[in-house]
Amino acid sequence: MRIKLSDIYFGFKNKEFTIRARDLPCRDTAFRNSKVTVKLSAIEQKNQNYLRGNIKAEIEYICVRCLKKIPKNIDQPINVLILKNDLKNTTKSDLDILYVNKSSDCLDLKNLFADIIALAEPIQPLCKEQCYGLCSICGAKKPILCNCHKHTNSPAWDKLKELHF
């Protein structure tokens, strides 16, 4: 998605954009819906330009224990400071910063949006907090469907048992 820098410098409020999920750069995100909605406002404060708003998408994660698909609606904030390349010092640390060349007339935000969506994914997504996962022997969902109570030792590890420290 490209926005003209002149539009950002003049400012706008609560402008809504719809982006196709397949147009975003690949970050291995599984989208449930093909649309991503972005609502942005361009604000000028103290001679600095900001893009503020939020991004909404329907994402599908996979539980790390049972491999079940988990649908989730995300609503992530966007808080970006736009600086020209010659202005490299700022005291704001809670903002994403985009540097713009003087010769540019548009700002491409696809990478930023893809990064925000990818960073919203939990490190270890779980379908529920008490997910028991899959049986390591038969692969069935635990604890209800699995009848494997006895875990057999693999003979491949028997030589390690002979080591004494």
N, C-alpha and C. Protein backbone atom coordinates (compact mmCIF):
# COMPACT_ATOMS: atom_id res chain seq x y z
N MET A 1 0.83 -1.17 0.00
CA MET A 1 0.00 0.00 0.00
C MET A 1 0.88 1.24 0.00
N ARG A 2 0.61 2.10 -0.91
CA ARG A 2 1.41 3.31 -1.05
C ARG A 2 0.56 4.53 -0.72
N ILE A 3 1.15 5.44 0.04
CA ILE A 3 0.49 6.70 0.39
C ILE A 3 1.40 7.83 -0.07
N LYS A 4 0.81 8.82 -0.69
CA LYS A 4 1.59 9.97 -1.12
C LYS A 4 2.08 10.74 0.11
N LEU A 5 3.33 11.17 0.06
CA LEU A 5 3.88 11.94 1.16
C LEU A 5 3.16 13.27 1.32
N SER A 6 2.71 13.83 0.22
CA SER A 6 1.98 15.11 0.31
C SER A 6 0.69 14.93 1.12
N ASP A 7 0.02 13.77 0.98
CA ASP A 7 -1.17 13.50 1.78
C ASP A 7 -0.82 13.40 3.27
N ILE A 8 0.31 12.79 3.55
CA ILE A 8 0.74 12.67 4.94
C ILE A 8 1.08 14.03 5.52
N TYR A 9 1.78 14.87 4.74
CA TYR A 9 2.17 16.19 5.23
C TYR A 9 0.97 17.10 5.42
N PHE A 10 -0.04 16.99 4.57
CA PHE A 10 -1.26 17.79 4.73
C PHE A 10 -2.14 17.25 5.84
N GLY A 11 -2.05 15.97 6.08
CA GLY A 11 -2.79 15.34 7.16
C GLY A 11 -4.14 14.81 6.72
N PHE A 12 -4.59 13.78 7.39
CA PHE A 12 -5.92 13.22 7.21
C PHE A 12 -6.29 12.51 8.50
N LYS A 13 -7.57 12.24 8.67
CA LYS A 13 -8.04 11.66 9.92
C LYS A 13 -8.93 10.44 9.65
N ASN A 14 -8.62 9.34 10.32
CA ASN A 14 -9.42 8.11 10.29
C ASN A 14 -9.75 7.64 8.87
N LYS A 15 -8.75 7.64 8.03
CA LYS A 15 -8.91 7.16 6.67
C LYS A 15 -8.76 5.64 6.69
N GLU A 16 -9.72 4.95 6.08
CA GLU A 16 -9.72 3.49 6.11
C GLU A 16 -9.25 2.92 4.77
N PHE A 17 -8.33 1.97 4.87
CA PHE A 17 -7.78 1.31 3.70
C PHE A 17 -8.04 -0.19 3.82
N THR A 18 -8.33 -0.82 2.71
CA THR A 18 -8.48 -2.27 2.67
C THR A 18 -7.39 -2.83 1.76
N ILE A 19 -6.65 -3.79 2.29
CA ILE A 19 -5.53 -4.39 1.56
C ILE A 19 -5.81 -5.87 1.42
N ARG A 20 -5.50 -6.42 0.27
CA ARG A 20 -5.59 -7.87 0.11
C ARG A 20 -4.41 -8.51 0.84
N ALA A 21 -4.69 -9.57 1.55
CA ALA A 21 -3.65 -10.24 2.34
C ALA A 21 -2.53 -10.75 1.44
N ARG A 22 -2.86 -11.19 0.25
CA ARG A 22 -1.82 -11.73 -0.63
C ARG A 22 -0.90 -10.64 -1.18
N ASP A 23 -1.30 -9.36 -1.05
CA ASP A 23 -0.44 -8.26 -1.50
C ASP A 23 0.62 -7.89 -0.47
N LEU A 24 0.47 -8.38 0.75
CA LEU A 24 1.48 -8.11 1.78
C LEU A 24 2.66 -9.04 1.59
N PRO A 25 3.87 -8.61 1.95
CA PRO A 25 5.03 -9.50 1.86
C PRO A 25 4.84 -10.73 2.73
N CYS A 26 5.41 -11.83 2.31
CA CYS A 26 5.24 -13.11 2.99
C CYS A 26 5.99 -13.11 4.32
N ARG A 27 5.27 -13.37 5.39
CA ARG A 27 5.85 -13.53 6.72
C ARG A 27 5.35 -14.85 7.33
N ASP A 28 4.91 -15.78 6.47
CA ASP A 28 4.36 -17.08 6.88
C ASP A 28 3.16 -16.92 7.80
N THR A 29 2.34 -15.95 7.51
CA THR A 29 1.11 -15.72 8.27
C THR A 29 -0.05 -16.32 7.50
N ALA A 30 -0.87 -17.10 8.19
CA ALA A 30 -2.05 -17.70 7.56
C ALA A 30 -3.25 -16.80 7.84
N PHE A 31 -3.78 -16.20 6.80
CA PHE A 31 -4.93 -15.31 6.92
C PHE A 31 -6.21 -16.11 6.73
N ARG A 32 -7.19 -15.91 7.60
CA ARG A 32 -8.50 -16.55 7.44
C ARG A 32 -9.36 -15.79 6.45
N ASN A 33 -9.15 -14.49 6.39
CA ASN A 33 -9.90 -13.63 5.50
C ASN A 33 -8.89 -12.99 4.55
N SER A 34 -9.28 -12.75 3.34
CA SER A 34 -8.33 -12.21 2.36
C SER A 34 -8.16 -10.70 2.50
N LYS A 35 -8.89 -10.07 3.41
CA LYS A 35 -8.80 -8.61 3.57
C LYS A 35 -8.15 -8.25 4.89
N VAL A 36 -7.33 -7.21 4.83
CA VAL A 36 -6.74 -6.60 6.01
C VAL A 36 -7.22 -5.15 6.00
N THR A 37 -7.73 -4.70 7.14
CA THR A 37 -8.26 -3.34 7.23
C THR A 37 -7.31 -2.49 8.05
N VAL A 38 -6.99 -1.32 7.51
CA VAL A 38 -6.10 -0.38 8.19
C VAL A 38 -6.82 0.96 8.30
N LYS A 39 -6.85 1.50 9.50
CA LYS A 39 -7.41 2.83 9.71
C LYS A 39 -6.27 3.72 10.19
N LEU A 40 -6.01 4.79 9.45
CA LEU A 40 -4.86 5.66 9.73
C LEU A 40 -5.27 7.11 9.84
N SER A 41 -4.49 7.83 10.63
CA SER A 41 -4.57 9.28 10.69
C SER A 41 -3.15 9.81 10.55
N ALA A 42 -3.00 10.84 9.73
CA ALA A 42 -1.71 11.50 9.58
C ALA A 42 -1.76 12.80 10.38
N ILE A 43 -0.86 12.92 11.33
CA ILE A 43 -0.88 14.04 12.27
C ILE A 43 0.48 14.71 12.26
N GLU A 44 0.46 16.03 12.34
CA GLU A 44 1.72 16.78 12.48
C GLU A 44 1.75 17.38 13.87
N GLN A 45 2.84 17.10 14.59
CA GLN A 45 3.05 17.65 15.93
C GLN A 45 4.50 18.07 16.04
N LYS A 46 4.73 19.30 16.46
CA LYS A 46 6.08 19.81 16.68
C LYS A 46 6.97 19.58 15.46
N ASN A 47 6.45 19.90 14.29
CA ASN A 47 7.16 19.77 13.02
C ASN A 47 7.59 18.33 12.70
N GLN A 48 6.89 17.37 13.26
CA GLN A 48 7.14 15.97 12.93
C GLN A 48 5.82 15.34 12.50
N ASN A 49 5.90 14.43 11.55
CA ASN A 49 4.70 13.79 11.02
C ASN A 49 4.58 12.38 11.58
N TYR A 50 3.37 12.05 11.98
CA TYR A 50 3.08 10.75 12.57
C TYR A 50 1.95 10.08 11.80
N LEU A 51 2.03 8.77 11.72
CA LEU A 51 0.91 7.95 11.26
C LEU A 51 0.45 7.15 12.46
N ARG A 52 -0.82 7.34 12.81
CA ARG A 52 -1.38 6.61 13.95
C ARG A 52 -2.67 5.96 13.53
N GLY A 53 -2.92 4.80 14.10
CA GLY A 53 -4.15 4.10 13.79
C GLY A 53 -4.08 2.67 14.27
N ASN A 54 -4.75 1.79 13.52
CA ASN A 54 -4.73 0.38 13.87
C ASN A 54 -4.89 -0.47 12.62
N ILE A 55 -4.51 -1.73 12.78
CA ILE A 55 -4.61 -2.69 11.69
C ILE A 55 -5.40 -3.88 12.21
N LYS A 56 -6.39 -4.31 11.43
CA LYS A 56 -7.24 -5.45 11.81
C LYS A 56 -7.13 -6.53 10.76
N ALA A 57 -7.02 -7.77 11.24
CA ALA A 57 -6.94 -8.91 10.33
C ALA A 57 -7.44 -10.15 11.05
N GLU A 58 -7.88 -11.13 10.27
CA GLU A 58 -8.27 -12.43 10.81
C GLU A 58 -7.15 -13.41 10.49
N ILE A 59 -6.51 -13.90 11.54
CA ILE A 59 -5.33 -14.75 11.41
C ILE A 59 -5.67 -16.15 11.91
N GLU A 60 -4.93 -17.12 11.43
CA GLU A 60 -5.10 -18.50 11.89
C GLU A 60 -3.75 -19.01 12.35
N TYR A 61 -3.66 -19.31 13.65
CA TYR A 61 -2.45 -19.87 14.22
C TYR A 61 -2.62 -21.37 14.39
N ILE A 62 -1.54 -22.07 14.68
CA ILE A 62 -1.59 -23.50 14.93
C ILE A 62 -1.06 -23.75 16.33
N CYS A 63 -1.84 -24.47 17.14
CA CYS A 63 -1.46 -24.80 18.51
C CYS A 63 -0.17 -25.61 18.48
N VAL A 64 0.79 -25.24 19.32
CA VAL A 64 2.08 -25.93 19.31
C VAL A 64 2.02 -27.30 19.99
N ARG A 65 0.94 -27.57 20.70
CA ARG A 65 0.83 -28.86 21.39
C ARG A 65 -0.01 -29.87 20.60
N CYS A 66 -1.16 -29.45 20.10
CA CYS A 66 -2.06 -30.41 19.46
C CYS A 66 -2.24 -30.17 17.96
N LEU A 67 -1.64 -29.14 17.42
CA LEU A 67 -1.68 -28.80 16.00
C LEU A 67 -3.06 -28.40 15.50
N LYS A 68 -3.94 -28.00 16.41
CA LYS A 68 -5.27 -27.54 16.05
C LYS A 68 -5.18 -26.10 15.55
N LYS A 69 -5.98 -25.77 14.53
CA LYS A 69 -6.00 -24.40 14.01
C LYS A 69 -6.76 -23.50 14.97
N ILE A 70 -6.19 -22.33 15.23
CA ILE A 70 -6.77 -21.38 16.17
C ILE A 70 -7.09 -20.09 15.42
N PRO A 71 -8.37 -19.78 15.22
CA PRO A 71 -8.70 -18.50 14.58
C PRO A 71 -8.58 -17.36 15.59
N LYS A 72 -8.07 -16.22 15.13
CA LYS A 72 -7.93 -15.08 16.02
C LYS A 72 -8.06 -13.79 15.22
N ASN A 73 -8.83 -12.87 15.75
CA ASN A 73 -8.92 -11.53 15.18
C ASN A 73 -7.90 -10.66 15.90
N ILE A 74 -7.05 -10.02 15.13
CA ILE A 74 -6.07 -9.14 15.75
C ILE A 74 -6.44 -7.70 15.45
N ASP A 75 -6.11 -6.84 16.39
CA ASP A 75 -6.31 -5.40 16.26
C ASP A 75 -5.08 -4.76 16.87
N GLN A 76 -4.10 -4.46 16.03
CA GLN A 76 -2.81 -3.96 16.49
C GLN A 76 -2.70 -2.45 16.25
N PRO A 77 -2.10 -1.73 17.19
CA PRO A 77 -1.92 -0.29 16.99
C PRO A 77 -0.77 -0.01 16.03
N ILE A 78 -0.89 1.12 15.35
CA ILE A 78 0.17 1.61 14.47
C ILE A 78 0.56 2.98 15.00
N ASN A 79 1.83 3.16 15.25
CA ASN A 79 2.34 4.42 15.76
C ASN A 79 3.70 4.66 15.12
N VAL A 80 3.72 5.43 14.04
CA VAL A 80 4.91 5.58 13.21
C VAL A 80 5.30 7.06 13.11
N LEU A 81 6.57 7.31 13.29
CA LEU A 81 7.13 8.64 13.07
C LEU A 81 7.81 8.63 11.72
N ILE A 82 7.50 9.61 10.89
CA ILE A 82 8.08 9.70 9.55
C ILE A 82 9.11 10.82 9.55
N LEU A 83 10.36 10.45 9.23
CA LEU A 83 11.45 11.42 9.21
C LEU A 83 12.13 11.41 7.86
N LYS A 84 12.62 12.55 7.48
CA LYS A 84 13.45 12.64 6.29
C LYS A 84 14.82 12.08 6.66
N ASN A 85 15.54 11.59 5.67
CA ASN A 85 16.83 10.93 5.91
C ASN A 85 17.84 11.82 6.61
N ASP A 86 17.74 13.12 6.46
CA ASP A 86 18.72 14.00 7.09
C ASP A 86 18.42 14.24 8.58
N LEU A 87 17.24 13.86 9.04
CA LEU A 87 16.89 14.00 10.46
C LEU A 87 16.96 12.63 11.12
N LYS A 88 18.06 12.35 11.80
CA LYS A 88 18.23 11.01 12.36
C LYS A 88 18.17 11.00 13.88
N ASN A 89 17.96 12.12 14.51
CA ASN A 89 17.92 12.10 15.97
C ASN A 89 16.51 12.37 16.47
N THR A 90 16.07 11.51 17.35
CA THR A 90 14.75 11.67 17.97
C THR A 90 14.81 11.08 19.37
N THR A 91 13.99 11.59 20.24
CA THR A 91 13.98 11.10 21.62
C THR A 91 12.87 10.09 21.86
N LYS A 92 11.98 9.91 20.92
CA LYS A 92 10.87 8.97 21.09
C LYS A 92 11.37 7.55 20.87
N SER A 93 11.19 6.69 21.85
CA SER A 93 11.64 5.31 21.70
C SER A 93 10.49 4.33 21.50
N ASP A 94 9.25 4.77 21.74
CA ASP A 94 8.11 3.87 21.63
C ASP A 94 7.48 3.89 20.25
N LEU A 95 8.13 4.50 19.30
CA LEU A 95 7.58 4.65 17.95
C LEU A 95 8.39 3.84 16.95
N ASP A 96 7.71 3.37 15.92
CA ASP A 96 8.41 2.87 14.75
C ASP A 96 8.81 4.09 13.95
N ILE A 97 9.98 4.06 13.36
CA ILE A 97 10.46 5.22 12.60
C ILE A 97 10.67 4.80 11.16
N LEU A 98 10.10 5.56 10.25
CA LEU A 98 10.32 5.35 8.82
C LEU A 98 11.08 6.55 8.29
N TYR A 99 12.19 6.27 7.63
CA TYR A 99 12.98 7.33 7.01
C TYR A 99 12.59 7.44 5.54
N VAL A 100 12.44 8.67 5.09
CA VAL A 100 11.98 8.94 3.74
C VAL A 100 13.06 9.73 3.00
N ASN A 101 13.35 9.31 1.77
CA ASN A 101 14.27 10.08 0.93
C ASN A 101 13.60 11.36 0.47
N LYS A 102 14.40 12.39 0.26
CA LYS A 102 13.85 13.65 -0.22
C LYS A 102 13.25 13.52 -1.61
N SER A 103 13.79 12.61 -2.39
CA SER A 103 13.32 12.45 -3.77
C SER A 103 12.05 11.60 -3.86
N SER A 104 11.66 10.93 -2.78
CA SER A 104 10.48 10.07 -2.81
C SER A 104 9.21 10.92 -2.78
N ASP A 105 8.20 10.44 -3.48
CA ASP A 105 6.91 11.11 -3.41
C ASP A 105 5.85 10.21 -2.79
N CYS A 106 6.17 8.92 -2.58
CA CYS A 106 5.23 7.97 -1.97
C CYS A 106 5.93 7.17 -0.87
N LEU A 107 5.14 6.67 0.02
CA LEU A 107 5.63 5.85 1.11
C LEU A 107 4.94 4.50 1.02
N ASP A 108 5.72 3.42 0.87
CA ASP A 108 5.17 2.08 0.77
C ASP A 108 5.12 1.48 2.18
N LEU A 109 3.93 1.13 2.63
CA LEU A 109 3.73 0.66 3.99
C LEU A 109 3.47 -0.84 4.09
N LYS A 110 3.57 -1.57 3.00
CA LYS A 110 3.27 -3.01 3.02
C LYS A 110 4.18 -3.77 3.98
N ASN A 111 5.47 -3.48 3.96
CA ASN A 111 6.40 -4.18 4.84
C ASN A 111 6.10 -3.89 6.30
N LEU A 112 5.77 -2.66 6.60
CA LEU A 112 5.44 -2.29 7.97
C LEU A 112 4.21 -3.04 8.45
N PHE A 113 3.17 -3.10 7.63
CA PHE A 113 1.94 -3.79 8.01
C PHE A 113 2.17 -5.29 8.18
N ALA A 114 2.95 -5.88 7.27
CA ALA A 114 3.25 -7.31 7.38
C ALA A 114 4.05 -7.60 8.66
N ASP A 115 4.97 -6.71 9.01
CA ASP A 115 5.74 -6.89 10.24
C ASP A 115 4.86 -6.78 11.48
N ILE A 116 3.96 -5.82 11.50
CA ILE A 116 3.08 -5.64 12.65
C ILE A 116 2.20 -6.87 12.85
N ILE A 117 1.68 -7.41 11.76
CA ILE A 117 0.83 -8.60 11.85
C ILE A 117 1.66 -9.80 12.31
N ALA A 118 2.85 -9.96 11.77
CA ALA A 118 3.70 -11.10 12.16
C ALA A 118 4.12 -11.01 13.62
N LEU A 119 4.38 -9.81 14.10
CA LEU A 119 4.80 -9.65 15.50
C LEU A 119 3.65 -9.84 16.49
N ALA A 120 2.42 -9.83 15.99
CA ALA A 120 1.26 -10.05 16.87
C ALA A 120 1.10 -11.52 17.23
N GLU A 121 1.75 -12.42 16.48
CA GLU A 121 1.61 -13.85 16.76
C GLU A 121 2.32 -14.20 18.06
N PRO A 122 1.64 -14.94 18.93
CA PRO A 122 2.30 -15.37 20.17
C PRO A 122 3.47 -16.31 19.85
N ILE A 123 4.43 -16.36 20.75
CA ILE A 123 5.60 -17.20 20.53
C ILE A 123 5.20 -18.67 20.50
N GLN A 124 4.33 -19.08 21.42
CA GLN A 124 3.84 -20.45 21.44
C GLN A 124 2.31 -20.42 21.52
N PRO A 125 1.64 -20.33 20.38
CA PRO A 125 0.19 -20.28 20.41
C PRO A 125 -0.42 -21.58 20.94
N LEU A 126 -1.38 -21.44 21.83
CA LEU A 126 -2.09 -22.59 22.39
C LEU A 126 -3.58 -22.44 22.14
N CYS A 127 -4.24 -23.56 21.84
CA CYS A 127 -5.69 -23.53 21.63
C CYS A 127 -6.41 -23.24 22.94
N LYS A 128 -5.88 -23.77 24.04
CA LYS A 128 -6.35 -23.45 25.38
C LYS A 128 -5.19 -23.68 26.33
N GLU A 129 -5.24 -23.04 27.46
CA GLU A 129 -4.12 -23.09 28.41
C GLU A 129 -3.83 -24.51 28.88
N GLN A 130 -4.85 -25.33 29.04
CA GLN A 130 -4.67 -26.69 29.52
C GLN A 130 -4.65 -27.72 28.39
N CYS A 131 -4.14 -27.36 27.24
CA CYS A 131 -4.05 -28.29 26.11
C CYS A 131 -3.05 -29.39 26.45
N TYR A 132 -3.48 -30.65 26.29
CA TYR A 132 -2.63 -31.79 26.63
C TYR A 132 -1.74 -32.21 25.47
N GLY A 133 -2.04 -31.78 24.28
CA GLY A 133 -1.20 -32.11 23.14
C GLY A 133 -1.50 -33.47 22.55
N LEU A 134 -0.51 -34.01 21.86
CA LEU A 134 -0.65 -35.30 21.19
C LEU A 134 0.23 -36.34 21.87
N CYS A 135 -0.20 -37.58 21.80
CA CYS A 135 0.60 -38.69 22.34
C CYS A 135 1.85 -38.85 21.48
N SER A 136 2.99 -38.98 22.12
CA SER A 136 4.24 -39.12 21.37
C SER A 136 4.40 -40.51 20.76
N ILE A 137 3.56 -41.46 21.15
CA ILE A 137 3.65 -42.82 20.61
C ILE A 137 2.69 -43.01 19.45
N CYS A 138 1.41 -42.74 19.69
CA CYS A 138 0.41 -43.03 18.64
C CYS A 138 -0.06 -41.78 17.90
N GLY A 139 0.18 -40.60 18.43
CA GLY A 139 -0.22 -39.37 17.76
C GLY A 139 -1.64 -38.94 18.02
N ALA A 140 -2.37 -39.65 18.88
CA ALA A 140 -3.76 -39.29 19.19
C ALA A 140 -3.77 -38.12 20.17
N LYS A 141 -4.90 -37.41 20.20
CA LYS A 141 -5.04 -36.31 21.15
C LYS A 141 -5.10 -36.86 22.56
N LYS A 142 -4.34 -36.28 23.45
CA LYS A 142 -4.34 -36.70 24.84
C LYS A 142 -5.40 -35.90 25.58
N PRO A 143 -5.90 -36.29 26.69
CA PRO A 143 -5.77 -37.57 27.37
C PRO A 143 -6.88 -38.53 27.00
N ILE A 144 -7.91 -38.07 26.33
CA ILE A 144 -9.10 -38.88 26.14
C ILE A 144 -8.91 -40.00 25.12
N LEU A 145 -8.35 -39.70 23.96
CA LEU A 145 -8.30 -40.66 22.86
C LEU A 145 -7.13 -41.62 22.93
N CYS A 146 -6.21 -41.41 23.81
CA CYS A 146 -4.98 -42.21 23.82
C CYS A 146 -5.05 -43.31 24.87
N ASN A 147 -4.69 -44.53 24.48
CA ASN A 147 -4.62 -45.66 25.40
C ASN A 147 -3.19 -46.09 25.65
N CYS A 148 -2.23 -45.31 25.22
CA CYS A 148 -0.82 -45.65 25.39
C CYS A 148 -0.37 -45.20 26.77
N HIS A 149 -0.28 -46.14 27.71
CA HIS A 149 0.15 -45.78 29.06
C HIS A 149 1.61 -46.14 29.29
N LYS A 150 2.06 -47.15 28.57
CA LYS A 150 3.43 -47.62 28.75
C LYS A 150 4.31 -47.02 27.66
N HIS A 151 5.31 -46.30 28.08
CA HIS A 151 6.25 -45.73 27.13
C HIS A 151 7.45 -46.66 27.02
N THR A 152 7.73 -47.09 25.84
CA THR A 152 8.86 -48.00 25.62
C THR A 152 10.11 -47.19 25.37
N ASN A 153 11.22 -47.71 25.84
CA ASN A 153 12.49 -47.06 25.60
C ASN A 153 13.04 -47.49 24.26
N SER A 154 13.60 -46.58 23.56
CA SER A 154 14.19 -46.87 22.26
C SER A 154 15.59 -47.47 22.46
N PRO A 155 15.92 -48.54 21.79
CA PRO A 155 17.25 -49.12 21.94
C PRO A 155 18.36 -48.23 21.38
N ALA A 156 17.99 -47.22 20.64
CA ALA A 156 18.99 -46.32 20.08
C ALA A 156 19.73 -45.55 21.17
N TRP A 157 19.13 -45.42 22.34
CA TRP A 157 19.74 -44.63 23.42
C TRP A 157 20.39 -45.51 24.49
N ASP A 158 20.45 -46.79 24.31
CA ASP A 158 21.01 -47.69 25.33
C ASP A 158 22.48 -47.46 25.59
N LYS A 159 23.25 -47.12 24.59
CA LYS A 159 24.69 -46.88 24.75
C LYS A 159 24.95 -45.69 25.67
N LEU A 160 24.04 -44.71 25.68
CA LEU A 160 24.22 -43.54 26.55
C LEU A 160 24.08 -43.92 28.02
N LYS A 161 23.31 -44.95 28.31
CA LYS A 161 23.12 -45.37 29.69
C LYS A 161 24.40 -45.98 30.28
N GLU A 162 25.29 -46.42 29.42
CA GLU A 162 26.57 -47.01 29.88
C GLU A 162 27.57 -45.96 30.28
N LEU A 163 27.35 -44.72 29.92
CA LEU A 163 28.30 -43.65 30.28
C LEU A 163 28.17 -43.33 31.75
N HIS A 164 29.30 -43.17 32.42
CA HIS A 164 29.32 -42.82 33.84
C HIS A 164 30.16 -41.57 34.00
N PHE A 165 29.63 -40.63 34.68
CA PHE A 165 30.36 -39.37 34.90
C PHE A 165 30.80 -39.27 36.33
